[in-house]
C-alpha atoms as a PDB file:
ATOM      1  CA  UNK A   1     -24.281 -46.619 -12.585  1.00  0.00           C
ATOM      2  CA  UNK A   2     -25.987 -44.622  -9.909  1.00  0.00           C
ATOM      3  CA  UNK A   3     -24.297 -41.639  -8.267  1.00  0.00           C
ATOM      4  CA  UNK A   4     -25.527 -39.757  -5.223  1.00  0.00           C
ATOM      5  CA  UNK A   5     -24.612 -36.126  -4.654  1.00  0.00           C
ATOM      6  CA  UNK A   6     -25.317 -33.718  -1.834  1.00  0.00           C
ATOM      7  CA  UNK A   7     -26.852 -30.396  -2.865  1.00  0.00           C
ATOM      8  CA  UNK A   8     -27.596 -27.293  -0.849  1.00  0.00           C
ATOM      9  CA  UNK A   9     -31.318 -27.041  -0.086  1.00  0.00           C
ATOM     10  CA  UNK A  10     -31.860 -23.948  -2.231  1.00  0.00           C
ATOM     11  CA  UNK A  11     -30.432 -25.703  -5.298  1.00  0.00           C
ATOM     12  CA  UNK A  12     -32.354 -28.906  -4.576  1.00  0.00           C
ATOM     13  CA  UNK A  13     -35.585 -26.914  -4.392  1.00  0.00           C
ATOM     14  CA  UNK A  14     -34.869 -25.291  -7.765  1.00  0.00           C
ATOM     15  CA  UNK A  15     -34.271 -28.700  -9.329  1.00  0.00           C
ATOM     16  CA  UNK A  16     -37.452 -30.292  -8.016  1.00  0.00           C
ATOM     17  CA  UNK A  17     -39.508 -29.113 -10.968  1.00  0.00           C
ATOM     18  CA  UNK A  18     -36.897 -30.310 -13.461  1.00  0.00           C
ATOM     19  CA  UNK A  19     -35.367 -33.720 -14.012  1.00  0.00           C
ATOM     20  CA  UNK A  20     -32.093 -33.302 -12.086  1.00  0.00           C
ATOM     21  CA  UNK A  21     -30.617 -36.615 -13.239  1.00  0.00           C
ATOM     22  CA  UNK A  22     -31.096 -35.684 -16.894  1.00  0.00           C
ATOM     23  CA  UNK A  23     -29.747 -32.166 -16.361  1.00  0.00           C
ATOM     24  CA  UNK A  24     -26.622 -33.405 -14.594  1.00  0.00           C
ATOM     25  CA  UNK A  25     -26.049 -35.940 -17.385  1.00  0.00           C
ATOM     26  CA  UNK A  26     -26.389 -33.128 -19.949  1.00  0.00           C
ATOM     27  CA  UNK A  27     -23.831 -31.011 -18.106  1.00  0.00           C
ATOM     28  CA  UNK A  28     -21.350 -33.872 -17.900  1.00  0.00           C
ATOM     29  CA  UNK A  29     -21.783 -34.777 -21.577  1.00  0.00           C
ATOM     30  CA  UNK A  30     -21.408 -31.135 -22.674  1.00  0.00           C
ATOM     31  CA  UNK A  31     -18.228 -30.838 -20.610  1.00  0.00           C
ATOM     32  CA  UNK A  32     -16.796 -34.031 -22.110  1.00  0.00           C
ATOM     33  CA  UNK A  33     -17.517 -32.662 -25.596  1.00  0.00           C
ATOM     34  CA  UNK A  34     -15.936 -29.302 -24.713  1.00  0.00           C
ATOM     35  CA  UNK A  35     -12.765 -31.099 -23.645  1.00  0.00           C
ATOM     36  CA  UNK A  36     -12.663 -33.031 -26.908  1.00  0.00           C
ATOM     37  CA  UNK A  37     -13.116 -36.380 -25.159  1.00  0.00           C
ATOM     38  CA  UNK A  38     -16.294 -37.287 -27.072  1.00  0.00           C
ATOM     39  CA  UNK A  39     -17.732 -36.247 -30.416  1.00  0.00           C
ATOM     40  CA  UNK A  40     -21.143 -34.966 -31.472  1.00  0.00           C
ATOM     41  CA  UNK A  41     -22.289 -38.492 -32.388  1.00  0.00           C
ATOM     42  CA  UNK A  42     -21.460 -39.610 -28.835  1.00  0.00           C
ATOM     43  CA  UNK A  43     -23.419 -36.663 -27.419  1.00  0.00           C
ATOM     44  CA  UNK A  44     -26.410 -37.625 -29.545  1.00  0.00           C
ATOM     45  CA  UNK A  45     -26.247 -41.256 -28.466  1.00  0.00           C
ATOM     46  CA  UNK A  46     -25.670 -40.601 -24.762  1.00  0.00           C
ATOM     47  CA  UNK A  47     -28.550 -38.140 -24.518  1.00  0.00           C
ATOM     48  CA  UNK A  48     -30.894 -39.899 -26.940  1.00  0.00           C
ATOM     49  CA  UNK A  49     -31.190 -36.821 -29.147  1.00  0.00           C
ATOM     50  CA  UNK A  50     -33.298 -37.396 -32.269  1.00  0.00           C
ATOM     51  CA  UNK A  51     -31.188 -35.703 -34.936  1.00  0.00           C
ATOM     52  CA  UNK A  52     -27.751 -34.321 -35.668  1.00  0.00           C
ATOM     53  CA  UNK A  53     -29.223 -30.817 -35.903  1.00  0.00           C
ATOM     54  CA  UNK A  54     -30.868 -31.164 -32.485  1.00  0.00           C
ATOM     55  CA  UNK A  55     -27.480 -32.269 -31.135  1.00  0.00           C
ATOM     56  CA  UNK A  56     -25.812 -29.135 -32.507  1.00  0.00           C
ATOM     57  CA  UNK A  57     -28.614 -27.014 -31.050  1.00  0.00           C
ATOM     58  CA  UNK A  58     -28.065 -28.647 -27.636  1.00  0.00           C
ATOM     59  CA  UNK A  59     -24.312 -28.001 -27.818  1.00  0.00           C
ATOM     60  CA  UNK A  60     -24.924 -24.395 -28.825  1.00  0.00           C
ATOM     61  CA  UNK A  61     -27.324 -23.889 -25.891  1.00  0.00           C
ATOM     62  CA  UNK A  62     -24.696 -25.320 -23.552  1.00  0.00           C
ATOM     63  CA  UNK A  63     -21.957 -23.160 -25.125  1.00  0.00           C
ATOM     64  CA  UNK A  64     -20.037 -26.384 -25.698  1.00  0.00           C
ATOM     65  CA  UNK A  65     -17.613 -25.375 -28.411  1.00  0.00           C
ATOM     66  CA  UNK A  66     -14.471 -27.245 -29.317  1.00  0.00           C
ATOM     67  CA  UNK A  67     -11.276 -25.323 -28.565  1.00  0.00           C
ATOM     68  CA  UNK A  68      -9.858 -23.427 -31.555  1.00  0.00           C
ATOM     69  CA  UNK A  69      -6.093 -23.290 -31.185  1.00  0.00           C
ATOM     70  CA  UNK A  70      -3.406 -21.076 -32.690  1.00  0.00           C
ATOM     71  CA  UNK A  71      -2.397 -24.023 -34.906  1.00  0.00           C
ATOM     72  CA  UNK A  72      -5.988 -24.301 -36.182  1.00  0.00           C
ATOM     73  CA  UNK A  73      -5.953 -20.606 -37.061  1.00  0.00           C
ATOM     74  CA  UNK A  74      -2.612 -20.946 -38.860  1.00  0.00           C
ATOM     75  CA  UNK A  75      -3.820 -23.939 -40.869  1.00  0.00           C
ATOM     76  CA  UNK A  76      -7.095 -22.232 -41.801  1.00  0.00           C
ATOM     77  CA  UNK A  77      -5.295 -19.051 -42.833  1.00  0.00           C
ATOM     78  CA  UNK A  78      -2.923 -21.040 -45.032  1.00  0.00           C
ATOM     79  CA  UNK A  79      -5.817 -22.934 -46.622  1.00  0.00           C
ATOM     80  CA  UNK A  80      -7.543 -19.621 -47.455  1.00  0.00           C
ATOM     81  CA  UNK A  81      -4.337 -18.204 -48.952  1.00  0.00           C
ATOM     82  CA  UNK A  82      -3.888 -21.359 -51.045  1.00  0.00           C
ATOM     83  CA  UNK A  83      -7.486 -21.230 -52.279  1.00  0.00           C
ATOM     84  CA  UNK A  84      -7.181 -17.558 -53.234  1.00  0.00           C
ATOM     85  CA  UNK A  85      -3.878 -18.160 -55.022  1.00  0.00           C
ATOM     86  CA  UNK A  86      -5.421 -20.987 -57.056  1.00  0.00           C
ATOM     87  CA  UNK A  87      -8.081 -18.678 -58.548  1.00  0.00           C
END
């Protein structure tokens, strides 16, 4: 699929030295990951990243972290309490 977008001249000039198509794809993929719509394996495949570790480095650079909810915190806290009680 090909998509055309209009950019202000100052932004277009900044992107001339980079590969704007690749950068826009990276931003979209990072956002999809952030929203939980795709996983790290999908990110790797869509961007053609060589390794899992490089994928995690890309996501870290993009500050693309999965949301950590109150329920996640409750479950993790309970798991820690259970592990400590089992000792």
